[in-house]
Amino acid sequence: MARPVPFPRSRRSAPFSAAFSDGLAWAIKFLAGISKRGSTATPHLSGMKRKTANIDIRVEPQLVEKIDAWRARQRVPPSRSAAIVYMLEEFLEHDPVSRADWQMLLRWA
């Protein structure tokens, strides 16, 4: 088996490696500082409430296919979640069932 050839060192590599290690140390300290104090690009939402709710649902594959088919017919296809929100808003806006009917249905559930 051949012996590995050591990397030749020149006189210029010593100052470069010192400068590189100083720069690397500075970068590590800088990044550590960002992770400790948080990113300045993100808004501070500690005192604010979320304006939307995250609702996770499971649906049958046939319903997903129907939603995707509706999305494909749109001039600018919305995301799946945007399509579902739109459909729910349309349903609730044009719902012919009265409030009393919903309360009766919910009692049976």
PDB file of N, CA and C in Angstrom:
ATOM      1  N   MET A   1       0.845  -1.173   0.000  1.00  0.00           N
ATOM      2  CA  MET A   1       0.000   0.000   0.000  1.00  0.00           C
ATOM      3  C   MET A   1       0.892   1.239   0.000  1.00  0.00           C
ATOM      4  N   ALA A   2       0.490   2.227  -0.796  1.00  0.00           N
ATOM      5  CA  ALA A   2       1.306   3.430  -0.926  1.00  0.00           C
ATOM      6  C   ALA A   2       1.123   4.318   0.284  1.00  0.00           C
ATOM      7  N   ARG A   3       2.186   4.993   0.666  1.00  0.00           N
ATOM      8  CA  ARG A   3       2.122   5.919   1.785  1.00  0.00           C
ATOM      9  C   ARG A   3       1.443   7.210   1.326  1.00  0.00           C
ATOM     10  N   PRO A   4       0.631   7.794   2.185  1.00  0.00           N
ATOM     11  CA  PRO A   4       0.035   9.072   1.800  1.00  0.00           C
ATOM     12  C   PRO A   4       1.095  10.166   1.773  1.00  0.00           C
ATOM     13  N   VAL A   5       0.992  11.011   0.788  1.00  0.00           N
ATOM     14  CA  VAL A   5       1.942  12.103   0.634  1.00  0.00           C
ATOM     15  C   VAL A   5       1.458  13.254   1.509  1.00  0.00           C
ATOM     16  N   PRO A   6       2.301  13.786   2.399  1.00  0.00           N
ATOM     17  CA  PRO A   6       1.842  14.891   3.236  1.00  0.00           C
ATOM     18  C   PRO A   6       1.585  16.130   2.398  1.00  0.00           C
ATOM     19  N   PHE A   7       0.603  16.920   2.825  1.00  0.00           N
ATOM     20  CA  PHE A   7       0.238  18.142   2.122  1.00  0.00           C
ATOM     21  C   PHE A   7       1.384  19.130   2.257  1.00  0.00           C
ATOM     22  N   PRO A   8       1.911  19.648   1.127  1.00  0.00           N
ATOM     23  CA  PRO A   8       3.038  20.572   1.224  1.00  0.00           C
ATOM     24  C   PRO A   8       2.609  21.886   1.855  1.00  0.00           C
ATOM     25  N   ARG A   9       3.371  22.377   2.803  1.00  0.00           N
ATOM     26  CA  ARG A   9       3.080  23.646   3.460  1.00  0.00           C
ATOM     27  C   ARG A   9       3.965  24.721   2.871  1.00  0.00           C
ATOM     28  N   SER A  10       3.369  25.799   2.532  1.00  0.00           N
ATOM     29  CA  SER A  10       4.155  26.918   2.040  1.00  0.00           C
ATOM     30  C   SER A  10       4.253  27.962   3.146  1.00  0.00           C
ATOM     31  N   ARG A  11       5.054  28.943   2.940  1.00  0.00           N
ATOM     32  CA  ARG A  11       5.206  29.984   3.947  1.00  0.00           C
ATOM     33  C   ARG A  11       3.951  30.856   4.015  1.00  0.00           C
ATOM     34  N   ARG A  12       3.212  30.912   2.903  1.00  0.00           N
ATOM     35  CA  ARG A  12       2.012  31.735   2.883  1.00  0.00           C
ATOM     36  C   ARG A  12       0.822  31.074   3.570  1.00  0.00           C
ATOM     37  N   SER A  13       0.850  29.787   3.784  1.00  0.00           N
ATOM     38  CA  SER A  13      -0.315  29.108   4.348  1.00  0.00           C
ATOM     39  C   SER A  13      -0.497  29.415   5.823  1.00  0.00           C
ATOM     40  N   ALA A  14       0.556  29.717   6.552  1.00  0.00           N
ATOM     41  CA  ALA A  14       0.423  29.984   7.981  1.00  0.00           C
ATOM     42  C   ALA A  14      -0.402  31.243   8.250  1.00  0.00           C
ATOM     43  N   PRO A  15      -0.100  32.407   7.635  1.00  0.00           N
ATOM     44  CA  PRO A  15      -0.950  33.569   7.904  1.00  0.00           C
ATOM     45  C   PRO A  15      -2.383  33.376   7.405  1.00  0.00           C
ATOM     46  N   PHE A  16      -2.531  32.675   6.276  1.00  0.00           N
ATOM     47  CA  PHE A  16      -3.877  32.439   5.761  1.00  0.00           C
ATOM     48  C   PHE A  16      -4.666  31.592   6.733  1.00  0.00           C
ATOM     49  N   SER A  17      -4.069  30.540   7.272  1.00  0.00           N
ATOM     50  CA  SER A  17      -4.807  29.668   8.181  1.00  0.00           C
ATOM     51  C   SER A  17      -5.168  30.409   9.459  1.00  0.00           C
ATOM     52  N   ALA A  18      -4.305  31.310   9.931  1.00  0.00           N
ATOM     53  CA  ALA A  18      -4.630  32.084  11.131  1.00  0.00           C
ATOM     54  C   ALA A  18      -5.790  33.026  10.837  1.00  0.00           C
ATOM     55  N   ALA A  19      -5.743  33.688   9.690  1.00  0.00           N
ATOM     56  CA  ALA A  19      -6.837  34.594   9.324  1.00  0.00           C
ATOM     57  C   ALA A  19      -8.128  33.821   9.126  1.00  0.00           C
ATOM     58  N   PHE A  20      -8.014  32.646   8.530  1.00  0.00           N
ATOM     59  CA  PHE A  20      -9.201  31.826   8.305  1.00  0.00           C
ATOM     60  C   PHE A  20      -9.801  31.393   9.633  1.00  0.00           C
ATOM     61  N   SER A  21      -8.953  30.946  10.564  1.00  0.00           N
ATOM     62  CA  SER A  21      -9.484  30.493  11.848  1.00  0.00           C
ATOM     63  C   SER A  21     -10.079  31.655  12.634  1.00  0.00           C
ATOM     64  N   ASP A  22      -9.491  32.873  12.515  1.00  0.00           N
ATOM     65  CA  ASP A  22     -10.073  34.038  13.179  1.00  0.00           C
ATOM     66  C   ASP A  22     -11.441  34.365  12.584  1.00  0.00           C
ATOM     67  N   GLY A  23     -11.515  34.312  11.264  1.00  0.00           N
ATOM     68  CA  GLY A  23     -12.795  34.575  10.605  1.00  0.00           C
ATOM     69  C   GLY A  23     -13.824  33.519  10.939  1.00  0.00           C
ATOM     70  N   LEU A  24     -13.392  32.273  11.020  1.00  0.00           N
ATOM     71  CA  LEU A  24     -14.302  31.181  11.357  1.00  0.00           C
ATOM     72  C   LEU A  24     -14.803  31.345  12.787  1.00  0.00           C
ATOM     73  N   ALA A  25     -13.911  31.703  13.695  1.00  0.00           N
ATOM     74  CA  ALA A  25     -14.314  31.916  15.083  1.00  0.00           C
ATOM     75  C   ALA A  25     -15.318  33.053  15.178  1.00  0.00           C
ATOM     76  N   TRP A  26     -15.088  34.145  14.423  1.00  0.00           N
ATOM     77  CA  TRP A  26     -16.019  35.267  14.427  1.00  0.00           C
ATOM     78  C   TRP A  26     -17.388  34.835  13.901  1.00  0.00           C
ATOM     79  N   ALA A  27     -17.394  34.048  12.812  1.00  0.00           N
ATOM     80  CA  ALA A  27     -18.657  33.596  12.220  1.00  0.00           C
ATOM     81  C   ALA A  27     -19.429  32.710  13.189  1.00  0.00           C
ATOM     82  N   ILE A  28     -18.714  31.842  13.890  1.00  0.00           N
ATOM     83  CA  ILE A  28     -19.381  30.950  14.849  1.00  0.00           C
ATOM     84  C   ILE A  28     -19.992  31.760  15.982  1.00  0.00           C
ATOM     85  N   LYS A  29     -19.248  32.744  16.503  1.00  0.00           N
ATOM     86  CA  LYS A  29     -19.777  33.589  17.575  1.00  0.00           C
ATOM     87  C   LYS A  29     -20.980  34.394  17.091  1.00  0.00           C
ATOM     88  N   PHE A  30     -20.902  34.903  15.866  1.00  0.00           N
ATOM     89  CA  PHE A  30     -21.996  35.681  15.301  1.00  0.00           C
ATOM     90  C   PHE A  30     -23.263  34.837  15.180  1.00  0.00           C
ATOM     91  N   LEU A  31     -23.113  33.632  14.617  1.00  0.00           N
ATOM     92  CA  LEU A  31     -24.274  32.757  14.444  1.00  0.00           C
ATOM     93  C   LEU A  31     -24.836  32.296  15.779  1.00  0.00           C
ATOM     94  N   ALA A  32     -23.968  32.054  16.754  1.00  0.00           N
ATOM     95  CA  ALA A  32     -24.439  31.664  18.080  1.00  0.00           C
ATOM     96  C   ALA A  32     -25.232  32.797  18.711  1.00  0.00           C
ATOM     97  N   GLY A  33     -24.801  34.032  18.486  1.00  0.00           N
ATOM     98  CA  GLY A  33     -25.533  35.173  19.013  1.00  0.00           C
ATOM     99  C   GLY A  33     -26.910  35.306  18.404  1.00  0.00           C
ATOM    100  N   ILE A  34     -27.026  35.030  17.124  1.00  0.00           N
ATOM    101  CA  ILE A  34     -28.332  35.094  16.462  1.00  0.00           C
ATOM    102  C   ILE A  34     -29.258  34.047  17.042  1.00  0.00           C
ATOM    103  N   SER A  35     -28.746  32.830  17.240  1.00  0.00           N
ATOM    104  CA  SER A  35     -29.605  31.776  17.747  1.00  0.00           C
ATOM    105  C   SER A  35     -30.043  32.061  19.176  1.00  0.00           C
ATOM    106  N   LYS A  36     -29.244  32.788  19.957  1.00  0.00           N
ATOM    107  CA  LYS A  36     -29.622  33.098  21.336  1.00  0.00           C
ATOM    108  C   LYS A  36     -30.669  34.197  21.394  1.00  0.00           C
ATOM    109  N   ARG A  37     -30.545  35.221  20.553  1.00  0.00           N
ATOM    110  CA  ARG A  37     -31.469  36.349  20.653  1.00  0.00           C
ATOM    111  C   ARG A  37     -32.616  36.261  19.658  1.00  0.00           C
ATOM    112  N   GLY A  38     -32.583  35.322  18.761  1.00  0.00           N
ATOM    113  CA  GLY A  38     -33.642  35.181  17.770  1.00  0.00           C
ATOM    114  C   GLY A  38     -33.331  35.990  16.530  1.00  0.00           C
ATOM    115  N   SER A  39     -33.980  35.662  15.459  1.00  0.00           N
ATOM    116  CA  SER A  39     -33.755  36.348  14.197  1.00  0.00           C
ATOM    117  C   SER A  39     -34.457  37.699  14.214  1.00  0.00           C
ATOM    118  N   THR A  40     -33.803  38.717  13.686  1.00  0.00           N
ATOM    119  CA  THR A  40     -34.410  40.040  13.632  1.00  0.00           C
ATOM    120  C   THR A  40     -35.411  40.153  12.491  1.00  0.00           C
ATOM    121  N   ALA A  41     -35.405  39.210  11.572  1.00  0.00           N
ATOM    122  CA  ALA A  41     -36.312  39.271  10.428  1.00  0.00           C
ATOM    123  C   ALA A  41     -37.717  38.812  10.799  1.00  0.00           C
ATOM    124  N   THR A  42     -37.854  38.015  11.857  1.00  0.00           N
ATOM    125  CA  THR A  42     -39.170  37.528  12.235  1.00  0.00           C
ATOM    126  C   THR A  42     -39.822  38.509  13.191  1.00  0.00           C
ATOM    127  N   PRO A  43     -41.106  38.770  13.032  1.00  0.00           N
ATOM    128  CA  PRO A  43     -41.773  39.695  13.947  1.00  0.00           C
ATOM    129  C   PRO A  43     -41.903  39.074  15.328  1.00  0.00           C
ATOM    130  N   HIS A  44     -41.917  39.909  16.320  1.00  0.00           N
ATOM    131  CA  HIS A  44     -42.056  39.421  17.693  1.00  0.00           C
ATOM    132  C   HIS A  44     -43.540  39.264  17.990  1.00  0.00           C
ATOM    133  N   LEU A  45     -43.982  38.031  18.103  1.00  0.00           N
ATOM    134  CA  LEU A  45     -45.402  37.739  18.274  1.00  0.00           C
ATOM    135  C   LEU A  45     -45.718  37.245  19.673  1.00  0.00           C
ATOM    136  N   SER A  46     -44.835  37.487  20.631  1.00  0.00           N
ATOM    137  CA  SER A  46     -45.050  36.928  21.954  1.00  0.00           C
ATOM    138  C   SER A  46     -46.335  37.447  22.588  1.00  0.00           C
ATOM    139  N   GLY A  47     -46.685  38.714  22.370  1.00  0.00           N
ATOM    140  CA  GLY A  47     -47.878  39.271  22.972  1.00  0.00           C
ATOM    141  C   GLY A  47     -49.100  39.199  22.082  1.00  0.00           C
ATOM    142  N   MET A  48     -48.945  38.711  20.867  1.00  0.00           N
ATOM    143  CA  MET A  48     -50.065  38.679  19.929  1.00  0.00           C
ATOM    144  C   MET A  48     -50.650  37.270  19.833  1.00  0.00           C
ATOM    145  N   LYS A  49     -51.953  37.213  19.630  1.00  0.00           N
ATOM    146  CA  LYS A  49     -52.599  35.922  19.421  1.00  0.00           C
ATOM    147  C   LYS A  49     -52.580  35.578  17.944  1.00  0.00           C
ATOM    148  N   ARG A  50     -52.616  34.288  17.655  1.00  0.00           N
ATOM    149  CA  ARG A  50     -52.698  33.861  16.254  1.00  0.00           C
ATOM    150  C   ARG A  50     -54.026  34.294  15.675  1.00  0.00           C
ATOM    151  N   LYS A  51     -54.006  34.695  14.434  1.00  0.00           N
ATOM    152  CA  LYS A  51     -55.238  35.126  13.786  1.00  0.00           C
ATOM    153  C   LYS A  51     -55.938  33.985  13.071  1.00  0.00           C
ATOM    154  N   THR A  52     -55.253  32.882  12.875  1.00  0.00           N
ATOM    155  CA  THR A  52     -55.865  31.722  12.246  1.00  0.00           C
ATOM    156  C   THR A  52     -55.667  30.510  13.138  1.00  0.00           C
ATOM    157  N   ALA A  53     -56.529  29.538  12.965  1.00  0.00           N
ATOM    158  CA  ALA A  53     -56.430  28.295  13.715  1.00  0.00           C
ATOM    159  C   ALA A  53     -55.927  27.202  12.795  1.00  0.00           C
ATOM    160  N   ASN A  54     -55.167  26.296  13.346  1.00  0.00           N
ATOM    161  CA  ASN A  54     -54.674  25.158  12.578  1.00  0.00           C
ATOM    162  C   ASN A  54     -55.611  23.986  12.831  1.00  0.00           C
ATOM    163  N   ILE A  55     -56.289  23.528  11.789  1.00  0.00           N
ATOM    164  CA  ILE A  55     -57.227  22.414  11.906  1.00  0.00           C
ATOM    165  C   ILE A  55     -56.716  21.275  11.043  1.00  0.00           C
ATOM    166  N   ASP A  56     -56.405  20.164  11.676  1.00  0.00           N
ATOM    167  CA  ASP A  56     -55.942  18.985  10.950  1.00  0.00           C
ATOM    168  C   ASP A  56     -57.120  18.035  10.777  1.00  0.00           C
ATOM    169  N   ILE A  57     -57.381  17.641   9.530  1.00  0.00           N
ATOM    170  CA  ILE A  57     -58.485  16.721   9.256  1.00  0.00           C
ATOM    171  C   ILE A  57     -57.985  15.563   8.406  1.00  0.00           C
ATOM    172  N   ARG A  58     -58.713  14.492   8.465  1.00  0.00           N
ATOM    173  CA  ARG A  58     -58.437  13.330   7.611  1.00  0.00           C
ATOM    174  C   ARG A  58     -59.674  13.109   6.752  1.00  0.00           C
ATOM    175  N   VAL A  59     -59.447  12.922   5.469  1.00  0.00           N
ATOM    176  CA  VAL A  59     -60.565  12.716   4.543  1.00  0.00           C
ATOM    177  C   VAL A  59     -60.259  11.522   3.652  1.00  0.00           C
ATOM    178  N   GLU A  60     -61.302  11.011   3.066  1.00  0.00           N
ATOM    179  CA  GLU A  60     -61.164   9.881   2.150  1.00  0.00           C
ATOM    180  C   GLU A  60     -60.447  10.325   0.876  1.00  0.00           C
ATOM    181  N   PRO A  61     -59.718   9.420   0.235  1.00  0.00           N
ATOM    182  CA  PRO A  61     -59.013   9.776  -1.008  1.00  0.00           C
ATOM    183  C   PRO A  61     -59.947  10.285  -2.102  1.00  0.00           C
ATOM    184  N   GLN A  62     -61.198   9.797  -2.140  1.00  0.00           N
ATOM    185  CA  GLN A  62     -62.143  10.258  -3.160  1.00  0.00           C
ATOM    186  C   GLN A  62     -62.448  11.747  -2.991  1.00  0.00           C
ATOM    187  N   LEU A  63     -62.541  12.209  -1.737  1.00  0.00           N
ATOM    188  CA  LEU A  63     -62.797  13.626  -1.494  1.00  0.00           C
ATOM    189  C   LEU A  63     -61.594  14.472  -1.897  1.00  0.00           C
ATOM    190  N   VAL A  64     -60.401  13.976  -1.644  1.00  0.00           N
ATOM    191  CA  VAL A  64     -59.190  14.689  -2.058  1.00  0.00           C
ATOM    192  C   VAL A  64     -59.162  14.818  -3.582  1.00  0.00           C
ATOM    193  N   GLU A  65     -59.553  13.752  -4.284  1.00  0.00           N
ATOM    194  CA  GLU A  65     -59.600  13.797  -5.748  1.00  0.00           C
ATOM    195  C   GLU A  65     -60.603  14.834  -6.241  1.00  0.00           C
ATOM    196  N   LYS A  66     -61.764  14.927  -5.570  1.00  0.00           N
ATOM    197  CA  LYS A  66     -62.770  15.926  -5.965  1.00  0.00           C
ATOM    198  C   LYS A  66     -62.247  17.341  -5.724  1.00  0.00           C
ATOM    199  N   ILE A  67     -61.581  17.541  -4.601  1.00  0.00           N
ATOM    200  CA  ILE A  67     -61.025  18.869  -4.302  1.00  0.00           C
ATOM    201  C   ILE A  67     -59.955  19.228  -5.328  1.00  0.00           C
ATOM    202  N   ASP A  68     -59.089  18.271  -5.644  1.00  0.00           N
ATOM    203  CA  ASP A  68     -58.031  18.535  -6.628  1.00  0.00           C
ATOM    204  C   ASP A  68     -58.596  18.783  -8.018  1.00  0.00           C
ATOM    205  N   ALA A  69     -59.694  18.097  -8.355  1.00  0.00           N
ATOM    206  CA  ALA A  69     -60.331  18.328  -9.662  1.00  0.00           C
ATOM    207  C   ALA A  69     -60.905  19.744  -9.720  1.00  0.00           C
ATOM    208  N   TRP A  70     -61.517  20.202  -8.621  1.00  0.00           N
ATOM    209  CA  TRP A  70     -62.039  21.575  -8.582  1.00  0.00           C
ATOM    210  C   TRP A  70     -60.900  22.581  -8.699  1.00  0.00           C
ATOM    211  N   ARG A  71     -59.799  22.319  -7.997  1.00  0.00           N
ATOM    212  CA  ARG A  71     -58.633  23.210  -8.058  1.00  0.00           C
ATOM    213  C   ARG A  71     -58.109  23.313  -9.483  1.00  0.00           C
ATOM    214  N   ALA A  72     -58.075  22.185 -10.195  1.00  0.00           N
ATOM    215  CA  ALA A  72     -57.544  22.161 -11.563  1.00  0.00           C
ATOM    216  C   ALA A  72     -58.413  22.975 -12.518  1.00  0.00           C
ATOM    217  N   ARG A  73     -59.705  23.111 -12.218  1.00  0.00           N
ATOM    218  CA  ARG A  73     -60.602  23.874 -13.091  1.00  0.00           C
ATOM    219  C   ARG A  73     -60.492  25.388 -12.882  1.00  0.00           C
ATOM    220  N   GLN A  74     -59.815  25.807 -11.838  1.00  0.00           N
ATOM    221  CA  GLN A  74     -59.686  27.238 -11.565  1.00  0.00           C
ATOM    222  C   GLN A  74     -58.624  27.858 -12.469  1.00  0.00           C
ATOM    223  N   ARG A  75     -58.817  29.137 -12.783  1.00  0.00           N
ATOM    224  CA  ARG A  75     -57.859  29.821 -13.657  1.00  0.00           C
ATOM    225  C   ARG A  75     -56.487  29.881 -13.004  1.00  0.00           C
ATOM    226  N   VAL A  76     -56.446  30.202 -11.716  1.00  0.00           N
ATOM    227  CA  VAL A  76     -55.210  30.152 -10.930  1.00  0.00           C
ATOM    228  C   VAL A  76     -55.464  29.140  -9.824  1.00  0.00           C
ATOM    229  N   PRO A  77     -54.914  27.936  -9.956  1.00  0.00           N
ATOM    230  CA  PRO A  77     -55.218  26.899  -8.966  1.00  0.00           C
ATOM    231  C   PRO A  77     -54.738  27.289  -7.564  1.00  0.00           C
ATOM    232  N   PRO A  78     -55.668  27.307  -6.587  1.00  0.00           N
ATOM    233  CA  PRO A  78     -55.271  27.613  -5.217  1.00  0.00           C
ATOM    234  C   PRO A  78     -54.617  26.401  -4.565  1.00  0.00           C
ATOM    235  N   SER A  79     -53.965  26.627  -3.440  1.00  0.00           N
ATOM    236  CA  SER A  79     -53.434  25.497  -2.688  1.00  0.00           C
ATOM    237  C   SER A  79     -54.613  24.669  -2.184  1.00  0.00           C
ATOM    238  N   ARG A  80     -54.338  23.469  -1.772  1.00  0.00           N
ATOM    239  CA  ARG A  80     -55.417  22.602  -1.301  1.00  0.00           C
ATOM    240  C   ARG A  80     -56.095  23.210  -0.073  1.00  0.00           C
ATOM    241  N   SER A  81     -55.296  23.742   0.844  1.00  0.00           N
ATOM    242  CA  SER A  81     -55.900  24.323   2.052  1.00  0.00           C
ATOM    243  C   SER A  81     -56.714  25.568   1.711  1.00  0.00           C
ATOM    244  N   ALA A  82     -56.229  26.395   0.795  1.00  0.00           N
ATOM    245  CA  ALA A  82     -56.995  27.584   0.387  1.00  0.00           C
ATOM    246  C   ALA A  82     -58.301  27.174  -0.284  1.00  0.00           C
ATOM    247  N   ALA A  83     -58.274  26.101  -1.065  1.00  0.00           N
ATOM    248  CA  ALA A  83     -59.491  25.624  -1.717  1.00  0.00           C
ATOM    249  C   ALA A  83     -60.504  25.140  -0.683  1.00  0.00           C
ATOM    250  N   ILE A  84     -60.039  24.441   0.326  1.00  0.00           N
ATOM    251  CA  ILE A  84     -60.948  23.937   1.364  1.00  0.00           C
ATOM    252  C   ILE A  84     -61.560  25.101   2.140  1.00  0.00           C
ATOM    253  N   VAL A  85     -60.745  26.104   2.474  1.00  0.00           N
ATOM    254  CA  VAL A  85     -61.261  27.281   3.181  1.00  0.00           C
ATOM    255  C   VAL A  85     -62.309  27.980   2.324  1.00  0.00           C
ATOM    256  N   TYR A  86     -62.033  28.148   1.040  1.00  0.00           N
ATOM    257  CA  TYR A  86     -62.998  28.788   0.132  1.00  0.00           C
ATOM    258  C   TYR A  86     -64.303  28.010   0.100  1.00  0.00           C
ATOM    259  N   MET A  87     -64.202  26.691  -0.027  1.00  0.00           N
ATOM    260  CA  MET A  87     -65.406  25.861  -0.094  1.00  0.00           C
ATOM    261  C   MET A  87     -66.217  25.952   1.195  1.00  0.00           C
ATOM    262  N   LEU A  88     -65.547  25.948   2.329  1.00  0.00           N
ATOM    263  CA  LEU A  88     -66.255  26.064   3.604  1.00  0.00           C
ATOM    264  C   LEU A  88     -66.946  27.420   3.735  1.00  0.00           C
ATOM    265  N   GLU A  89     -66.248  28.493   3.347  1.00  0.00           N
ATOM    266  CA  GLU A  89     -66.854  29.823   3.424  1.00  0.00           C
ATOM    267  C   GLU A  89     -68.076  29.920   2.526  1.00  0.00           C
ATOM    268  N   GLU A  90     -67.985  29.372   1.313  1.00  0.00           N
ATOM    269  CA  GLU A  90     -69.128  29.389   0.392  1.00  0.00           C
ATOM    270  C   GLU A  90     -70.287  28.582   0.961  1.00  0.00           C
ATOM    271  N   PHE A  91     -70.003  27.431   1.516  1.00  0.00           N
ATOM    272  CA  PHE A  91     -71.056  26.596   2.092  1.00  0.00           C
ATOM    273  C   PHE A  91     -71.744  27.321   3.239  1.00  0.00           C
ATOM    274  N   LEU A  92     -70.963  27.913   4.132  1.00  0.00           N
ATOM    275  CA  LEU A  92     -71.549  28.581   5.294  1.00  0.00           C
ATOM    276  C   LEU A  92     -72.320  29.838   4.905  1.00  0.00           C
ATOM    277  N   GLU A  93     -71.866  30.526   3.875  1.00  0.00           N
ATOM    278  CA  GLU A  93     -72.557  31.732   3.426  1.00  0.00           C
ATOM    279  C   GLU A  93     -73.894  31.411   2.779  1.00  0.00           C
ATOM    280  N   HIS A  94     -73.966  30.300   2.062  1.00  0.00           N
ATOM    281  CA  HIS A  94     -75.187  29.946   1.326  1.00  0.00           C
ATOM    282  C   HIS A  94     -75.915  28.757   1.949  1.00  0.00           C
ATOM    283  N   ASP A  95     -75.706  28.530   3.225  1.00  0.00           N
ATOM    284  CA  ASP A  95     -76.309  27.389   3.912  1.00  0.00           C
ATOM    285  C   ASP A  95     -77.803  27.632   4.122  1.00  0.00           C
ATOM    286  N   PRO A  96     -78.662  26.772   3.524  1.00  0.00           N
ATOM    287  CA  PRO A  96     -80.102  26.974   3.673  1.00  0.00           C
ATOM    288  C   PRO A  96     -80.648  26.472   5.011  1.00  0.00           C
ATOM    289  N   VAL A  97     -79.880  25.712   5.746  1.00  0.00           N
ATOM    290  CA  VAL A  97     -80.361  25.132   7.003  1.00  0.00           C
ATOM    291  C   VAL A  97     -80.368  26.216   8.079  1.00  0.00           C
ATOM    292  N   SER A  98     -81.466  26.287   8.828  1.00  0.00           N
ATOM    293  CA  SER A  98     -81.571  27.311   9.866  1.00  0.00           C
ATOM    294  C   SER A  98     -80.758  26.918  11.102  1.00  0.00           C
ATOM    295  N   ARG A  99     -80.566  27.889  11.988  1.00  0.00           N
ATOM    296  CA  ARG A  99     -79.808  27.657  13.219  1.00  0.00           C
ATOM    297  C   ARG A  99     -80.485  26.591  14.085  1.00  0.00           C
ATOM    298  N   ALA A 100     -81.798  26.582  14.136  1.00  0.00           N
ATOM    299  CA  ALA A 100     -82.521  25.596  14.936  1.00  0.00           C
ATOM    300  C   ALA A 100     -82.269  24.187  14.405  1.00  0.00           C
ATOM    301  N   ASP A 101     -82.213  24.059  13.065  1.00  0.00           N
ATOM    302  CA  ASP A 101     -81.945  22.743  12.481  1.00  0.00           C
ATOM    303  C   ASP A 101     -80.547  22.256  12.878  1.00  0.00           C
ATOM    304  N   TRP A 102     -79.564  23.159  12.878  1.00  0.00           N
ATOM    305  CA  TRP A 102     -78.207  22.771  13.265  1.00  0.00           C
ATOM    306  C   TRP A 102     -78.165  22.331  14.720  1.00  0.00           C
ATOM    307  N   GLN A 103     -78.879  23.048  15.582  1.00  0.00           N
ATOM    308  CA  GLN A 103     -78.870  22.671  16.999  1.00  0.00           C
ATOM    309  C   GLN A 103     -79.504  21.299  17.181  1.00  0.00           C
ATOM    310  N   MET A 104     -80.559  21.015  16.427  1.00  0.00           N
ATOM    311  CA  MET A 104     -81.183  19.698  16.508  1.00  0.00           C
ATOM    312  C   MET A 104     -80.225  18.618  16.002  1.00  0.00           C
ATOM    313  N   LEU A 105     -79.539  18.900  14.887  1.00  0.00           N
ATOM    314  CA  LEU A 105     -78.593  17.931  14.347  1.00  0.00           C
ATOM    315  C   LEU A 105     -77.429  17.684  15.321  1.00  0.00           C
ATOM    316  N   LEU A 106     -76.969  18.740  15.970  1.00  0.00           N
ATOM    317  CA  LEU A 106     -75.852  18.581  16.902  1.00  0.00           C
ATOM    318  C   LEU A 106     -76.263  17.794  18.150  1.00  0.00           C
ATOM    319  N   ARG A 107     -77.525  17.884  18.553  1.00  0.00           N
ATOM    320  CA  ARG A 107     -77.981  17.080  19.696  1.00  0.00           C
ATOM    321  C   ARG A 107     -77.937  15.593  19.370  1.00  0.00           C
ATOM    322  N   TRP A 108     -78.169  15.242  18.110  1.00  0.00           N
ATOM    323  CA  TRP A 108     -78.134  13.844  17.713  1.00  0.00           C
ATOM    324  C   TRP A 108     -76.734  13.297  17.592  1.00  0.00           C
ATOM    325  N   ALA A 109     -75.748  14.151  17.421  1.00  0.00           N
ATOM    326  CA  ALA A 109     -74.372  13.702  17.213  1.00  0.00           C
ATOM    327  C   ALA A 109     -73.761  13.107  18.458  1.00  0.00           C
TER     328      ALA A 109
END
